[in-house]
Amino acid sequence: MGRLLKWISIFFFICCVALVVYAYIGPYFGVSFDPVRTLTQEPVILNES
């Protein structure tokens, strides 16, 4: 059981490091992490009675 926990923790650590490296290196390969912005306007009617 101890060996299994050790391998799972090593795998988790490697995945976290890979995710951080991908976040820093991704924009150099054309991956964009910026959200797409669109302007949305919706009319609001006040005191409708």
PDB file of N, CA and C in Angstrom:
ATOM      1  N   MET A   1       0.825  -1.192   0.000  1.00  0.00           N
ATOM      2  CA  MET A   1       0.000   0.000   0.000  1.00  0.00           C
ATOM      3  C   MET A   1       0.870   1.256   0.000  1.00  0.00           C
ATOM      4  N   GLY A   2       1.990   1.192   0.700  1.00  0.00           N
ATOM      5  CA  GLY A   2       2.887   2.337   0.769  1.00  0.00           C
ATOM      6  C   GLY A   2       3.508   2.668  -0.583  1.00  0.00           C
ATOM      7  N   ARG A   3       3.866   1.613  -1.338  1.00  0.00           N
ATOM      8  CA  ARG A   3       4.447   1.849  -2.667  1.00  0.00           C
ATOM      9  C   ARG A   3       3.438   2.477  -3.608  1.00  0.00           C
ATOM     10  N   LEU A   4       2.188   2.053  -3.500  1.00  0.00           N
ATOM     11  CA  LEU A   4       1.136   2.612  -4.343  1.00  0.00           C
ATOM     12  C   LEU A   4       0.944   4.093  -4.045  1.00  0.00           C
ATOM     13  N   LEU A   5       0.892   4.473  -2.780  1.00  0.00           N
ATOM     14  CA  LEU A   5       0.760   5.873  -2.410  1.00  0.00           C
ATOM     15  C   LEU A   5       1.955   6.681  -2.889  1.00  0.00           C
ATOM     16  N   LYS A   6       3.128   6.095  -2.820  1.00  0.00           N
ATOM     17  CA  LYS A   6       4.335   6.774  -3.282  1.00  0.00           C
ATOM     18  C   LYS A   6       4.243   7.055  -4.782  1.00  0.00           C
ATOM     19  N   TRP A   7       3.831   6.072  -5.572  1.00  0.00           N
ATOM     20  CA  TRP A   7       3.733   6.260  -7.016  1.00  0.00           C
ATOM     21  C   TRP A   7       2.623   7.237  -7.390  1.00  0.00           C
ATOM     22  N   ILE A   8       1.521   7.203  -6.661  1.00  0.00           N
ATOM     23  CA  ILE A   8       0.439   8.150  -6.922  1.00  0.00           C
ATOM     24  C   ILE A   8       0.888   9.572  -6.608  1.00  0.00           C
ATOM     25  N   SER A   9       1.605   9.761  -5.505  1.00  0.00           N
ATOM     26  CA  SER A   9       2.081  11.094  -5.161  1.00  0.00           C
ATOM     27  C   SER A   9       3.117  11.589  -6.169  1.00  0.00           C
ATOM     28  N   ILE A  10       3.996  10.719  -6.650  1.00  0.00           N
ATOM     29  CA  ILE A  10       4.977  11.104  -7.665  1.00  0.00           C
ATOM     30  C   ILE A  10       4.261  11.474  -8.963  1.00  0.00           C
ATOM     31  N   PHE A  11       3.273  10.691  -9.360  1.00  0.00           N
ATOM     32  CA  PHE A  11       2.501  10.985 -10.565  1.00  0.00           C
ATOM     33  C   PHE A  11       1.773  12.321 -10.435  1.00  0.00           C
ATOM     34  N   PHE A  12       1.185  12.588  -9.280  1.00  0.00           N
ATOM     35  CA  PHE A  12       0.488  13.852  -9.040  1.00  0.00           C
ATOM     36  C   PHE A  12       1.458  15.022  -9.122  1.00  0.00           C
ATOM     37  N   PHE A  13       2.637  14.879  -8.547  1.00  0.00           N
ATOM     38  CA  PHE A  13       3.651  15.935  -8.585  1.00  0.00           C
ATOM     39  C   PHE A  13       4.099  16.206 -10.019  1.00  0.00           C
ATOM     40  N   ILE A  14       4.323  15.159 -10.792  1.00  0.00           N
ATOM     41  CA  ILE A  14       4.745  15.322 -12.192  1.00  0.00           C
ATOM     42  C   ILE A  14       3.637  16.000 -13.000  1.00  0.00           C
ATOM     43  N   CYS A  15       2.381  15.643 -12.752  1.00  0.00           N
ATOM     44  CA  CYS A  15       1.270  16.280 -13.458  1.00  0.00           C
ATOM     45  C   CYS A  15       1.172  17.762 -13.115  1.00  0.00           C
ATOM     46  N   CYS A  16       1.375  18.119 -11.865  1.00  0.00           N
ATOM     47  CA  CYS A  16       1.328  19.530 -11.462  1.00  0.00           C
ATOM     48  C   CYS A  16       2.451  20.315 -12.121  1.00  0.00           C
ATOM     49  N   VAL A  17       3.650  19.754 -12.160  1.00  0.00           N
ATOM     50  CA  VAL A  17       4.776  20.425 -12.802  1.00  0.00           C
ATOM     51  C   VAL A  17       4.513  20.567 -14.301  1.00  0.00           C
ATOM     52  N   ALA A  18       3.965  19.544 -14.927  1.00  0.00           N
ATOM     53  CA  ALA A  18       3.663  19.605 -16.358  1.00  0.00           C
ATOM     54  C   ALA A  18       2.607  20.673 -16.645  1.00  0.00           C
ATOM     55  N   LEU A  19       1.623  20.821 -15.779  1.00  0.00           N
ATOM     56  CA  LEU A  19       0.594  21.838 -15.962  1.00  0.00           C
ATOM     57  C   LEU A  19       1.177  23.244 -15.855  1.00  0.00           C
ATOM     58  N   VAL A  20       2.074  23.459 -14.909  1.00  0.00           N
ATOM     59  CA  VAL A  20       2.712  24.765 -14.761  1.00  0.00           C
ATOM     60  C   VAL A  20       3.599  25.068 -15.957  1.00  0.00           C
ATOM     61  N   VAL A  21       4.343  24.090 -16.423  1.00  0.00           N
ATOM     62  CA  VAL A  21       5.202  24.285 -17.593  1.00  0.00           C
ATOM     63  C   VAL A  21       4.344  24.581 -18.820  1.00  0.00           C
ATOM     64  N   TYR A  22       3.236  23.898 -18.981  1.00  0.00           N
ATOM     65  CA  TYR A  22       2.336  24.138 -20.118  1.00  0.00           C
ATOM     66  C   TYR A  22       1.762  25.553 -20.064  1.00  0.00           C
ATOM     67  N   ALA A  23       1.443  26.031 -18.857  1.00  0.00           N
ATOM     68  CA  ALA A  23       0.884  27.371 -18.720  1.00  0.00           C
ATOM     69  C   ALA A  23       1.899  28.438 -19.126  1.00  0.00           C
ATOM     70  N   TYR A  24       3.182  28.204 -18.842  1.00  0.00           N
ATOM     71  CA  TYR A  24       4.202  29.180 -19.206  1.00  0.00           C
ATOM     72  C   TYR A  24       4.682  29.046 -20.644  1.00  0.00           C
ATOM     73  N   ILE A  25       4.742  27.846 -21.159  1.00  0.00           N
ATOM     74  CA  ILE A  25       5.284  27.606 -22.500  1.00  0.00           C
ATOM     75  C   ILE A  25       4.188  27.640 -23.568  1.00  0.00           C
ATOM     76  N   GLY A  26       2.937  27.434 -23.211  1.00  0.00           N
ATOM     77  CA  GLY A  26       1.836  27.362 -24.160  1.00  0.00           C
ATOM     78  C   GLY A  26       1.713  28.527 -25.114  1.00  0.00           C
ATOM     79  N   PRO A  27       1.801  29.777 -24.642  1.00  0.00           N
ATOM     80  CA  PRO A  27       1.656  30.905 -25.576  1.00  0.00           C
ATOM     81  C   PRO A  27       2.722  30.949 -26.671  1.00  0.00           C
ATOM     82  N   TYR A  28       3.872  30.375 -26.448  1.00  0.00           N
ATOM     83  CA  TYR A  28       4.907  30.337 -27.490  1.00  0.00           C
ATOM     84  C   TYR A  28       4.532  29.394 -28.634  1.00  0.00           C
ATOM     85  N   PHE A  29       3.616  28.467 -28.364  1.00  0.00           N
ATOM     86  CA  PHE A  29       3.183  27.510 -29.381  1.00  0.00           C
ATOM     87  C   PHE A  29       1.803  27.843 -29.945  1.00  0.00           C
ATOM     88  N   GLY A  30       1.311  29.049 -29.652  1.00  0.00           N
ATOM     89  CA  GLY A  30       0.046  29.486 -30.220  1.00  0.00           C
ATOM     90  C   GLY A  30      -1.178  29.182 -29.392  1.00  0.00           C
ATOM     91  N   VAL A  31      -1.011  28.734 -28.174  1.00  0.00           N
ATOM     92  CA  VAL A  31      -2.153  28.466 -27.303  1.00  0.00           C
ATOM     93  C   VAL A  31      -2.513  29.760 -26.591  1.00  0.00           C
ATOM     94  N   SER A  32      -3.749  30.188 -26.705  1.00  0.00           N
ATOM     95  CA  SER A  32      -4.183  31.435 -26.082  1.00  0.00           C
ATOM     96  C   SER A  32      -5.058  31.120 -24.878  1.00  0.00           C
ATOM     97  N   PHE A  33      -4.703  31.678 -23.744  1.00  0.00           N
ATOM     98  CA  PHE A  33      -5.480  31.470 -22.526  1.00  0.00           C
ATOM     99  C   PHE A  33      -6.378  32.659 -22.216  1.00  0.00           C
ATOM    100  N   ASP A  34      -6.408  33.665 -23.099  1.00  0.00           N
ATOM    101  CA  ASP A  34      -7.228  34.843 -22.882  1.00  0.00           C
ATOM    102  C   ASP A  34      -8.688  34.529 -23.191  1.00  0.00           C
ATOM    103  N   PRO A  35      -9.604  35.045 -22.378  1.00  0.00           N
ATOM    104  CA  PRO A  35     -11.026  34.828 -22.669  1.00  0.00           C
ATOM    105  C   PRO A  35     -11.464  35.663 -23.866  1.00  0.00           C
ATOM    106  N   VAL A  36     -12.437  35.171 -24.587  1.00  0.00           N
ATOM    107  CA  VAL A  36     -12.991  35.900 -25.721  1.00  0.00           C
ATOM    108  C   VAL A  36     -13.976  36.922 -25.171  1.00  0.00           C
ATOM    109  N   ARG A  37     -13.743  38.188 -25.494  1.00  0.00           N
ATOM    110  CA  ARG A  37     -14.603  39.242 -24.975  1.00  0.00           C
ATOM    111  C   ARG A  37     -15.587  39.682 -26.047  1.00  0.00           C
ATOM    112  N   THR A  38     -16.843  39.780 -25.656  1.00  0.00           N
ATOM    113  CA  THR A  38     -17.879  40.307 -26.541  1.00  0.00           C
ATOM    114  C   THR A  38     -18.712  41.300 -25.746  1.00  0.00           C
ATOM    115  N   LEU A  39     -19.084  42.380 -26.376  1.00  0.00           N
ATOM    116  CA  LEU A  39     -19.894  43.401 -25.741  1.00  0.00           C
ATOM    117  C   LEU A  39     -21.361  42.992 -25.829  1.00  0.00           C
ATOM    118  N   THR A  40     -22.012  42.930 -24.686  1.00  0.00           N
ATOM    119  CA  THR A  40     -23.423  42.553 -24.634  1.00  0.00           C
ATOM    120  C   THR A  40     -24.202  43.696 -24.017  1.00  0.00           C
ATOM    121  N   GLN A  41     -25.211  44.185 -24.728  1.00  0.00           N
ATOM    122  CA  GLN A  41     -26.057  45.249 -24.216  1.00  0.00           C
ATOM    123  C   GLN A  41     -27.480  44.738 -24.156  1.00  0.00           C
ATOM    124  N   GLU A  42     -28.087  44.962 -23.001  1.00  0.00           N
ATOM    125  CA  GLU A  42     -29.463  44.538 -22.817  1.00  0.00           C
ATOM    126  C   GLU A  42     -30.221  45.693 -22.165  1.00  0.00           C
ATOM    127  N   PRO A  43     -31.332  46.122 -22.762  1.00  0.00           N
ATOM    128  CA  PRO A  43     -32.074  47.251 -22.183  1.00  0.00           C
ATOM    129  C   PRO A  43     -32.734  46.863 -20.864  1.00  0.00           C
ATOM    130  N   VAL A  44     -32.766  47.821 -19.957  1.00  0.00           N
ATOM    131  CA  VAL A  44     -33.385  47.612 -18.643  1.00  0.00           C
ATOM    132  C   VAL A  44     -34.511  48.632 -18.503  1.00  0.00           C
ATOM    133  N   ILE A  45     -35.694  48.161 -18.193  1.00  0.00           N
ATOM    134  CA  ILE A  45     -36.841  49.041 -18.008  1.00  0.00           C
ATOM    135  C   ILE A  45     -37.065  49.182 -16.508  1.00  0.00           C
ATOM    136  N   LEU A  46     -36.970  50.434 -16.014  1.00  0.00           N
ATOM    137  CA  LEU A  46     -37.160  50.698 -14.593  1.00  0.00           C
ATOM    138  C   LEU A  46     -38.585  51.164 -14.332  1.00  0.00           C
ATOM    139  N   ASN A  47     -39.104  50.827 -13.190  1.00  0.00           N
ATOM    140  CA  ASN A  47     -40.446  51.237 -12.756  1.00  0.00           C
ATOM    141  C   ASN A  47     -41.529  50.863 -13.766  1.00  0.00           C
ATOM    142  N   GLU A  48     -41.538  49.631 -14.158  1.00  0.00           N
ATOM    143  CA  GLU A  48     -42.550  49.156 -15.099  1.00  0.00           C
ATOM    144  C   GLU A  48     -43.798  48.767 -14.323  1.00  0.00           C
ATOM    145  N   SER A  49     -44.785  49.640 -14.332  1.00  0.00           N
ATOM    146  CA  SER A  49     -46.044  49.312 -13.648  1.00  0.00           C
ATOM    147  C   SER A  49     -47.204  50.028 -14.272  1.00  0.00           C
TER     148      SER A  49
END
